[in-house]
PDB file of N, CA and C in Angstrom:
ATOM      1  N   MET A   1     130.003 -88.670  49.320  1.00  0.00           N
ATOM      2  CA  MET A   1     130.934 -89.236  48.665  1.00  0.00           C
ATOM      3  C   MET A   1     132.248 -88.591  49.370  1.00  0.00           C
ATOM      4  N   GLN A   2     133.219 -89.783  49.668  1.00  0.00           N
ATOM      5  CA  GLN A   2     134.360 -89.313  50.192  1.00  0.00           C
ATOM      6  C   GLN A   2     135.344 -88.721  49.231  1.00  0.00           C
ATOM      7  N   ILE A   3     136.019 -87.770  49.502  1.00  0.00           N
ATOM      8  CA  ILE A   3     137.158 -86.945  48.780  1.00  0.00           C
ATOM      9  C   ILE A   3     138.596 -87.571  49.214  1.00  0.00           C
ATOM     10  N   GLU A   4     138.942 -88.213  48.228  1.00  0.00           N
ATOM     11  CA  GLU A   4     140.288 -88.921  48.139  1.00  0.00           C
ATOM     12  C   GLU A   4     141.356 -87.746  48.259  1.00  0.00           C
ATOM     13  N   MET A   5     142.378 -87.832  48.974  1.00  0.00           N
ATOM     14  CA  MET A   5     143.365 -86.912  48.821  1.00  0.00           C
ATOM     15  C   MET A   5     144.721 -87.563  49.329  1.00  0.00           C
ATOM     16  N   LYS A   6     145.907 -86.734  49.264  1.00  0.00           N
ATOM     17  CA  LYS A   6     147.132 -87.238  49.743  1.00  0.00           C
ATOM     18  C   LYS A   6     147.631 -86.142  50.486  1.00  0.00           C
ATOM     19  N   LYS A   7     148.738 -86.458  51.533  1.00  0.00           N
ATOM     20  CA  LYS A   7     149.236 -85.402  52.387  1.00  0.00           C
ATOM     21  C   LYS A   7     150.635 -86.168  52.810  1.00  0.00           C
ATOM     22  N   THR A   8     151.414 -85.017  52.958  1.00  0.00           N
ATOM     23  CA  THR A   8     152.911 -85.738  53.850  1.00  0.00           C
ATOM     24  C   THR A   8     153.050 -84.878  54.919  1.00  0.00           C
ATOM     25  N   ILE A   9     153.499 -85.533  55.983  1.00  0.00           N
ATOM     26  CA  ILE A   9     153.771 -84.950  57.197  1.00  0.00           C
ATOM     27  C   ILE A   9     155.256 -84.955  57.409  1.00  0.00           C
ATOM     28  N   THR A  10     156.016 -83.950  57.622  1.00  0.00           N
ATOM     29  CA  THR A  10     157.527 -84.242  57.672  1.00  0.00           C
ATOM     30  C   THR A  10     157.996 -83.819  59.311  1.00  0.00           C
ATOM     31  N   LEU A  11     158.491 -84.901  59.958  1.00  0.00           N
ATOM     32  CA  LEU A  11     158.902 -84.433  61.330  1.00  0.00           C
ATOM     33  C   LEU A  11     160.094 -83.439  61.244  1.00  0.00           C
ATOM     34  N   GLU A  12     159.840 -82.307  61.824  1.00  0.00           N
ATOM     35  CA  GLU A  12     160.965 -81.444  62.184  1.00  0.00           C
ATOM     36  C   GLU A  12     161.618 -81.670  63.362  1.00  0.00           C
ATOM     37  N   ALA A  13     163.090 -81.610  63.268  1.00  0.00           N
ATOM     38  CA  ALA A  13     163.983 -81.572  64.451  1.00  0.00           C
ATOM     39  C   ALA A  13     163.733 -82.754  65.476  1.00  0.00           C
ATOM     40  N   MET A  14     163.327 -83.974  65.138  1.00  0.00           N
ATOM     41  CA  MET A  14     163.189 -84.997  65.847  1.00  0.00           C
ATOM     42  C   MET A  14     163.556 -86.266  65.133  1.00  0.00           C
ATOM     43  N   ASP A  15     164.204 -87.080  65.848  1.00  0.00           N
ATOM     44  CA  ASP A  15     164.640 -88.382  65.099  1.00  0.00           C
ATOM     45  C   ASP A  15     163.186 -89.110  64.766  1.00  0.00           C
ATOM     46  N   PRO A  16     162.956 -89.654  63.648  1.00  0.00           N
ATOM     47  CA  PRO A  16     161.687 -90.538  63.436  1.00  0.00           C
ATOM     48  C   PRO A  16     161.441 -91.731  64.407  1.00  0.00           C
ATOM     49  N   ILE A  17     162.574 -92.378  64.865  1.00  0.00           N
ATOM     50  CA  ILE A  17     162.426 -93.169  65.730  1.00  0.00           C
ATOM     51  C   ILE A  17     161.757 -93.013  67.021  1.00  0.00           C
ATOM     52  N   GLU A  18     161.810 -91.662  67.335  1.00  0.00           N
ATOM     53  CA  GLU A  18     161.396 -91.122  68.745  1.00  0.00           C
ATOM     54  C   GLU A  18     159.737 -91.363  68.557  1.00  0.00           C
ATOM     55  N   ILE A  19     159.206 -91.208  67.533  1.00  0.00           N
ATOM     56  CA  ILE A  19     157.850 -91.049  67.170  1.00  0.00           C
ATOM     57  C   ILE A  19     157.186 -92.508  66.704  1.00  0.00           C
ATOM     58  N   PHE A  20     158.112 -93.022  65.665  1.00  0.00           N
ATOM     59  CA  PHE A  20     157.657 -94.199  65.098  1.00  0.00           C
ATOM     60  C   PHE A  20     157.909 -95.468  66.195  1.00  0.00           C
ATOM     61  N   GLY A  21     158.851 -95.154  66.767  1.00  0.00           N
ATOM     62  CA  GLY A  21     159.103 -96.622  67.725  1.00  0.00           C
ATOM     63  C   GLY A  21     160.008 -97.548  67.318  1.00  0.00           C
ATOM     64  N   VAL A  22     160.681 -98.327  67.765  1.00  0.00           N
ATOM     65  CA  VAL A  22     161.481 -99.195  67.237  1.00  0.00           C
ATOM     66  C   VAL A  22     160.565-100.217  66.593  1.00  0.00           C
ATOM     67  N   GLY A  23     161.092-100.525  65.034  1.00  0.00           N
ATOM     68  CA  GLY A  23     160.558-101.412  64.468  1.00  0.00           C
ATOM     69  C   GLY A  23     159.010-100.921  64.010  1.00  0.00           C
ATOM     70  N   ASN A  24     158.777 -99.438  64.067  1.00  0.00           N
ATOM     71  CA  ASN A  24     157.669 -98.843  63.648  1.00  0.00           C
ATOM     72  C   ASN A  24     156.646 -99.207  64.744  1.00  0.00           C
ATOM     73  N   ARG A  25     156.950 -99.882  65.859  1.00  0.00           N
ATOM     74  CA  ARG A  25     155.750-100.283  66.782  1.00  0.00           C
ATOM     75  C   ARG A  25     154.799 -99.216  66.937  1.00  0.00           C
ATOM     76  N   ILE A  26     155.061 -98.126  67.553  1.00  0.00           N
ATOM     77  CA  ILE A  26     154.121 -97.107  67.870  1.00  0.00           C
ATOM     78  C   ILE A  26     153.483 -96.437  66.667  1.00  0.00           C
ATOM     79  N   LEU A  27     154.032 -96.512  65.526  1.00  0.00           N
ATOM     80  CA  LEU A  27     153.513 -95.925  64.309  1.00  0.00           C
ATOM     81  C   LEU A  27     152.506 -97.018  63.828  1.00  0.00           C
ATOM     82  N   ASP A  28     152.706 -98.390  63.941  1.00  0.00           N
ATOM     83  CA  ASP A  28     151.740 -99.307  63.552  1.00  0.00           C
ATOM     84  C   ASP A  28     150.500 -99.375  64.408  1.00  0.00           C
ATOM     85  N   ALA A  29     150.734 -99.188  65.862  1.00  0.00           N
ATOM     86  CA  ALA A  29     149.591 -99.004  66.725  1.00  0.00           C
ATOM     87  C   ALA A  29     148.722 -97.888  66.277  1.00  0.00           C
ATOM     88  N   PHE A  30     149.293 -96.772  66.172  1.00  0.00           N
ATOM     89  CA  PHE A  30     148.507 -95.464  65.677  1.00  0.00           C
ATOM     90  C   PHE A  30     147.907 -95.671  64.407  1.00  0.00           C
ATOM     91  N   CYS A  31     148.365 -96.179  63.388  1.00  0.00           N
ATOM     92  CA  CYS A  31     148.079 -96.479  62.054  1.00  0.00           C
ATOM     93  C   CYS A  31     146.704 -97.649  62.370  1.00  0.00           C
ATOM     94  N   GLY A  32     146.593 -98.266  63.304  1.00  0.00           N
ATOM     95  CA  GLY A  32     145.555 -99.367  63.604  1.00  0.00           C
ATOM     96  C   GLY A  32     144.418 -98.808  63.753  1.00  0.00           C
ATOM     97  N   TYR A  33     144.212 -97.345  64.167  1.00  0.00           N
ATOM     98  CA  TYR A  33     143.065 -96.498  64.092  1.00  0.00           C
ATOM     99  C   TYR A  33     142.526 -95.850  63.140  1.00  0.00           C
ATOM    100  N   PHE A  34     143.233 -96.017  61.917  1.00  0.00           N
ATOM    101  CA  PHE A  34     142.868 -95.840  60.607  1.00  0.00           C
ATOM    102  C   PHE A  34     142.966 -96.746  59.670  1.00  0.00           C
ATOM    103  N   PRO A  35     142.124 -97.690  59.729  1.00  0.00           N
ATOM    104  CA  PRO A  35     142.223 -98.871  58.860  1.00  0.00           C
ATOM    105  C   PRO A  35     141.914 -98.786  57.309  1.00  0.00           C
ATOM    106  N   GLY A  36     141.311 -97.357  56.857  1.00  0.00           N
ATOM    107  CA  GLY A  36     141.228 -97.056  55.499  1.00  0.00           C
ATOM    108  C   GLY A  36     142.153 -96.242  54.909  1.00  0.00           C
ATOM    109  N   LEU A  37     143.046 -95.893  55.599  1.00  0.00           N
ATOM    110  CA  LEU A  37     144.328 -94.944  55.295  1.00  0.00           C
ATOM    111  C   LEU A  37     145.633 -95.592  55.084  1.00  0.00           C
ATOM    112  N   LYS A  38     146.015 -95.392  53.799  1.00  0.00           N
ATOM    113  CA  LYS A  38     147.406 -95.619  53.256  1.00  0.00           C
ATOM    114  C   LYS A  38     148.396 -94.933  54.066  1.00  0.00           C
ATOM    115  N   VAL A  39     149.370 -95.463  54.796  1.00  0.00           N
ATOM    116  CA  VAL A  39     150.232 -94.779  55.415  1.00  0.00           C
ATOM    117  C   VAL A  39     151.729 -95.487  55.091  1.00  0.00           C
ATOM    118  N   VAL A  40     152.827 -94.567  54.573  1.00  0.00           N
ATOM    119  CA  VAL A  40     154.108 -95.016  54.458  1.00  0.00           C
ATOM    120  C   VAL A  40     154.854 -94.098  54.983  1.00  0.00           C
ATOM    121  N   ALA A  41     155.775 -94.547  55.941  1.00  0.00           N
ATOM    122  CA  ALA A  41     156.752 -93.880  56.639  1.00  0.00           C
ATOM    123  C   ALA A  41     158.156 -94.109  55.538  1.00  0.00           C
ATOM    124  N   ARG A  42     158.714 -92.933  55.394  1.00  0.00           N
ATOM    125  CA  ARG A  42     159.987 -93.069  54.740  1.00  0.00           C
ATOM    126  C   ARG A  42     161.081 -91.751  55.390  1.00  0.00           C
ATOM    127  N   GLY A  43     161.929 -92.349  56.073  1.00  0.00           N
ATOM    128  CA  GLY A  43     162.910 -91.258  56.643  1.00  0.00           C
ATOM    129  C   GLY A  43     162.176 -90.558  57.564  1.00  0.00           C
ATOM    130  N   ASN A  44     162.180 -89.107  57.558  1.00  0.00           N
ATOM    131  CA  ASN A  44     161.446 -88.458  58.204  1.00  0.00           C
ATOM    132  C   ASN A  44     160.112 -87.807  57.921  1.00  0.00           C
ATOM    133  N   GLU A  45     159.565 -88.406  56.794  1.00  0.00           N
ATOM    134  CA  GLU A  45     158.063 -87.991  56.398  1.00  0.00           C
ATOM    135  C   GLU A  45     157.338 -89.377  56.443  1.00  0.00           C
ATOM    136  N   ILE A  46     156.020 -88.837  56.827  1.00  0.00           N
ATOM    137  CA  ILE A  46     155.061 -89.931  56.422  1.00  0.00           C
ATOM    138  C   ILE A  46     154.084 -89.474  55.499  1.00  0.00           C
ATOM    139  N   HIS A  47     153.689 -90.253  54.639  1.00  0.00           N
ATOM    140  CA  HIS A  47     152.732 -90.056  53.148  1.00  0.00           C
ATOM    141  C   HIS A  47     151.431 -90.559  53.824  1.00  0.00           C
ATOM    142  N   LEU A  48     150.376 -89.945  53.317  1.00  0.00           N
ATOM    143  CA  LEU A  48     149.071 -90.401  53.851  1.00  0.00           C
ATOM    144  C   LEU A  48     148.210 -90.480  52.237  1.00  0.00           C
ATOM    145  N   GLU A  49     147.364 -91.309  52.200  1.00  0.00           N
ATOM    146  CA  GLU A  49     146.690 -91.465  51.230  1.00  0.00           C
ATOM    147  C   GLU A  49     145.056 -91.944  51.690  1.00  0.00           C
ATOM    148  N   GLY A  50     144.047 -91.493  51.462  1.00  0.00           N
ATOM    149  CA  GLY A  50     142.776 -91.706  52.092  1.00  0.00           C
ATOM    150  C   GLY A  50     141.898 -90.671  51.908  1.00  0.00           C
ATOM    151  N   SER A  51     140.718 -90.891  52.611  1.00  0.00           N
ATOM    152  CA  SER A  51     139.499 -89.712  52.776  1.00  0.00           C
ATOM    153  C   SER A  51     139.921 -88.470  53.407  1.00  0.00           C
ATOM    154  N   GLU A  52     139.586 -87.425  53.044  1.00  0.00           N
ATOM    155  CA  GLU A  52     140.047 -86.062  53.502  1.00  0.00           C
ATOM    156  C   GLU A  52     139.720 -86.195  55.137  1.00  0.00           C
ATOM    157  N   SER A  53     138.532 -86.776  55.446  1.00  0.00           N
ATOM    158  CA  SER A  53     138.341 -86.773  56.812  1.00  0.00           C
ATOM    159  C   SER A  53     139.290 -87.536  57.908  1.00  0.00           C
ATOM    160  N   GLN A  54     139.527 -88.611  57.394  1.00  0.00           N
ATOM    161  CA  GLN A  54     140.624 -89.520  58.030  1.00  0.00           C
ATOM    162  C   GLN A  54     142.001 -89.040  58.069  1.00  0.00           C
ATOM    163  N   ILE A  55     142.412 -88.340  56.786  1.00  0.00           N
ATOM    164  CA  ILE A  55     143.585 -87.548  57.008  1.00  0.00           C
ATOM    165  C   ILE A  55     143.634 -86.408  57.998  1.00  0.00           C
ATOM    166  N   GLN A  56     142.882 -85.666  57.685  1.00  0.00           N
ATOM    167  CA  GLN A  56     142.617 -84.546  58.752  1.00  0.00           C
ATOM    168  C   GLN A  56     142.706 -85.186  60.197  1.00  0.00           C
ATOM    169  N   GLU A  57     141.664 -86.069  60.585  1.00  0.00           N
ATOM    170  CA  GLU A  57     141.914 -86.604  62.101  1.00  0.00           C
ATOM    171  C   GLU A  57     143.033 -87.316  62.402  1.00  0.00           C
ATOM    172  N   PHE A  58     143.974 -88.107  61.388  1.00  0.00           N
ATOM    173  CA  PHE A  58     145.359 -88.512  61.582  1.00  0.00           C
ATOM    174  C   PHE A  58     145.960 -87.174  61.834  1.00  0.00           C
ATOM    175  N   SER A  59     146.148 -86.391  60.998  1.00  0.00           N
ATOM    176  CA  SER A  59     146.969 -85.120  61.336  1.00  0.00           C
ATOM    177  C   SER A  59     146.840 -84.627  62.733  1.00  0.00           C
ATOM    178  N   GLN A  60     145.742 -84.322  63.016  1.00  0.00           N
ATOM    179  CA  GLN A  60     145.529 -83.900  64.548  1.00  0.00           C
ATOM    180  C   GLN A  60     145.910 -84.716  65.522  1.00  0.00           C
ATOM    181  N   ARG A  61     145.533 -85.861  65.530  1.00  0.00           N
ATOM    182  CA  ARG A  61     145.825 -86.953  66.639  1.00  0.00           C
ATOM    183  C   ARG A  61     147.408 -87.214  66.206  1.00  0.00           C
ATOM    184  N   PHE A  62     148.168 -87.171  65.442  1.00  0.00           N
ATOM    185  CA  PHE A  62     149.466 -87.261  65.074  1.00  0.00           C
ATOM    186  C   PHE A  62     150.293 -86.154  65.909  1.00  0.00           C
ATOM    187  N   GLY A  63     149.720 -84.881  65.490  1.00  0.00           N
ATOM    188  CA  GLY A  63     149.847 -83.629  66.566  1.00  0.00           C
ATOM    189  C   GLY A  63     150.118 -84.018  67.921  1.00  0.00           C
ATOM    190  N   GLU A  64     149.071 -84.657  68.284  1.00  0.00           N
ATOM    191  CA  GLU A  64     149.106 -84.855  69.869  1.00  0.00           C
ATOM    192  C   GLU A  64     149.992 -85.926  70.208  1.00  0.00           C
ATOM    193  N   LEU A  65     150.391 -86.725  69.442  1.00  0.00           N
ATOM    194  CA  LEU A  65     151.604 -87.693  69.716  1.00  0.00           C
ATOM    195  C   LEU A  65     152.667 -87.055  69.753  1.00  0.00           C
ATOM    196  N   ILE A  66     152.973 -86.151  68.890  1.00  0.00           N
ATOM    197  CA  ILE A  66     154.130 -85.434  68.948  1.00  0.00           C
ATOM    198  C   ILE A  66     154.497 -84.415  70.051  1.00  0.00           C
ATOM    199  N   ASP A  67     153.371 -83.824  70.418  1.00  0.00           N
ATOM    200  CA  ASP A  67     153.409 -82.817  71.535  1.00  0.00           C
ATOM    201  C   ASP A  67     153.699 -83.746  72.854  1.00  0.00           C
ATOM    202  N   ARG A  68     153.182 -84.827  72.917  1.00  0.00           N
ATOM    203  CA  ARG A  68     153.214 -85.809  73.967  1.00  0.00           C
ATOM    204  C   ARG A  68     154.650 -86.329  74.124  1.00  0.00           C
ATOM    205  N   ARG A  69     155.224 -86.137  73.070  1.00  0.00           N
ATOM    206  CA  ARG A  69     156.794 -86.794  73.125  1.00  0.00           C
ATOM    207  C   ARG A  69     157.685 -85.697  73.520  1.00  0.00           C
ATOM    208  N   HIS A  70     157.194 -84.351  73.260  1.00  0.00           N
ATOM    209  CA  HIS A  70     157.903 -83.214  73.741  1.00  0.00           C
ATOM    210  C   HIS A  70     157.860 -83.039  75.491  1.00  0.00           C
ATOM    211  N   HIS A  71     156.803 -84.000  75.950  1.00  0.00           N
ATOM    212  CA  HIS A  71     156.647 -84.022  77.181  1.00  0.00           C
ATOM    213  C   HIS A  71     157.299 -85.102  78.029  1.00  0.00           C
ATOM    214  N   LYS A  72     157.591 -86.229  77.332  1.00  0.00           N
ATOM    215  CA  LYS A  72     157.910 -87.290  78.084  1.00  0.00           C
ATOM    216  C   LYS A  72     159.411 -87.938  77.295  1.00  0.00           C
ATOM    217  N   MET A  73     159.995 -88.568  78.101  1.00  0.00           N
ATOM    218  CA  MET A  73     161.600 -89.067  77.437  1.00  0.00           C
ATOM    219  C   MET A  73     161.117 -90.146  76.235  1.00  0.00           C
ATOM    220  N   ASN A  74     160.279 -90.961  76.450  1.00  0.00           N
ATOM    221  CA  ASN A  74     159.820 -92.086  75.828  1.00  0.00           C
ATOM    222  C   ASN A  74     158.639 -92.214  75.251  1.00  0.00           C
ATOM    223  N   LEU A  75     158.048 -92.589  74.060  1.00  0.00           N
ATOM    224  CA  LEU A  75     156.647 -92.845  73.962  1.00  0.00           C
ATOM    225  C   LEU A  75     156.594 -94.364  73.933  1.00  0.00           C
ATOM    226  N   THR A  76     155.456 -94.875  74.230  1.00  0.00           N
ATOM    227  CA  THR A  76     154.893 -96.362  74.428  1.00  0.00           C
ATOM    228  C   THR A  76     153.583 -96.441  73.417  1.00  0.00           C
ATOM    229  N   VAL A  77     153.200 -97.771  73.277  1.00  0.00           N
ATOM    230  CA  VAL A  77     151.993 -97.880  72.691  1.00  0.00           C
ATOM    231  C   VAL A  77     150.850 -97.393  73.385  1.00  0.00           C
ATOM    232  N   PHE A  78     150.991 -97.428  74.838  1.00  0.00           N
ATOM    233  CA  PHE A  78     150.206 -96.772  75.692  1.00  0.00           C
ATOM    234  C   PHE A  78     149.734 -95.226  75.650  1.00  0.00           C
ATOM    235  N   ASP A  79     150.930 -94.677  74.851  1.00  0.00           N
ATOM    236  CA  ASP A  79     150.472 -93.227  74.822  1.00  0.00           C
ATOM    237  C   ASP A  79     149.456 -93.111  73.635  1.00  0.00           C
ATOM    238  N   VAL A  80     149.692 -93.917  72.652  1.00  0.00           N
ATOM    239  CA  VAL A  80     148.510 -93.961  71.550  1.00  0.00           C
ATOM    240  C   VAL A  80     147.481 -94.402  72.159  1.00  0.00           C
ATOM    241  N   GLU A  81     147.423 -95.431  72.834  1.00  0.00           N
ATOM    242  CA  GLU A  81     145.982 -95.486  73.326  1.00  0.00           C
ATOM    243  C   GLU A  81     145.199 -94.649  74.060  1.00  0.00           C
ATOM    244  N   ASP A  82     146.121 -93.838  74.814  1.00  0.00           N
ATOM    245  CA  ASP A  82     145.560 -92.639  75.718  1.00  0.00           C
ATOM    246  C   ASP A  82     145.073 -91.671  74.875  1.00  0.00           C
ATOM    247  N   ILE A  83     145.607 -91.450  73.740  1.00  0.00           N
ATOM    248  CA  ILE A  83     145.396 -90.151  72.727  1.00  0.00           C
ATOM    249  C   ILE A  83     143.873 -90.393  72.251  1.00  0.00           C
ATOM    250  N   PHE A  84     143.747 -91.648  71.646  1.00  0.00           N
ATOM    251  CA  PHE A  84     142.436 -92.163  71.091  1.00  0.00           C
ATOM    252  C   PHE A  84     141.475 -92.373  72.148  1.00  0.00           C
ATOM    253  N   ASP A  85     141.533 -92.830  73.640  1.00  0.00           N
ATOM    254  CA  ASP A  85     140.771 -92.845  74.542  1.00  0.00           C
ATOM    255  C   ASP A  85     140.367 -91.436  75.173  1.00  0.00           C
ATOM    256  N   GLY A  86     141.385 -90.640  75.060  1.00  0.00           N
ATOM    257  CA  GLY A  86     141.094 -89.205  75.633  1.00  0.00           C
ATOM    258  C   GLY A  86     141.253 -89.064  76.982  1.00  0.00           C
ATOM    259  N   SER A  87     141.723 -90.180  77.715  1.00  0.00           N
ATOM    260  CA  SER A  87     141.646 -90.081  79.220  1.00  0.00           C
ATOM    261  C   SER A  87     142.740 -89.590  79.886  1.00  0.00           C
ATOM    262  N   SER A  88     143.831 -88.670  79.070  1.00  0.00           N
ATOM    263  CA  SER A  88     144.901 -88.453  80.140  1.00  0.00           C
ATOM    264  C   SER A  88     145.292 -87.296  79.148  1.00  0.00           C
ATOM    265  N   SER A  89     146.177 -86.361  79.578  1.00  0.00           N
ATOM    266  CA  SER A  89     146.726 -85.117  79.173  1.00  0.00           C
ATOM    267  C   SER A  89     148.419 -85.706  78.619  1.00  0.00           C
ATOM    268  N   PRO A  90     148.722 -84.792  77.983  1.00  0.00           N
ATOM    269  CA  PRO A  90     149.975 -85.049  77.218  1.00  0.00           C
ATOM    270  C   PRO A  90     151.161 -85.192  78.284  1.00  0.00           C
ATOM    271  N   ASP A  91     151.069 -84.474  79.610  1.00  0.00           N
ATOM    272  CA  ASP A  91     152.094 -84.774  80.533  1.00  0.00           C
ATOM    273  C   ASP A  91     152.009 -85.881  81.639  1.00  0.00           C
ATOM    274  N   SER A  92     150.907 -86.686  81.389  1.00  0.00           N
ATOM    275  CA  SER A  92     150.816 -87.681  82.117  1.00  0.00           C
ATOM    276  C   SER A  92     151.785 -88.839  81.872  1.00  0.00           C
TER     277      SER A  92
END
């Protein structure tokens, strides 16, 4: 049995558009890997609702996306694909 839970992720010291992308394009691509998770972005917060395992994985992978942003000037949808393919490091 899956445990349903809620979690809020707050972006600290970063403009949300740097992570979400214009028109939430990057966030939408990221969320495409979590079809069973309800994700709502409001301001500098992301509200998650779904299974505990999906929320934990989302949080871990989202942390990787934030780390990647610290190493790069701009994120793209390709950065999201790289995180899930596991084929490159944050500074590539």
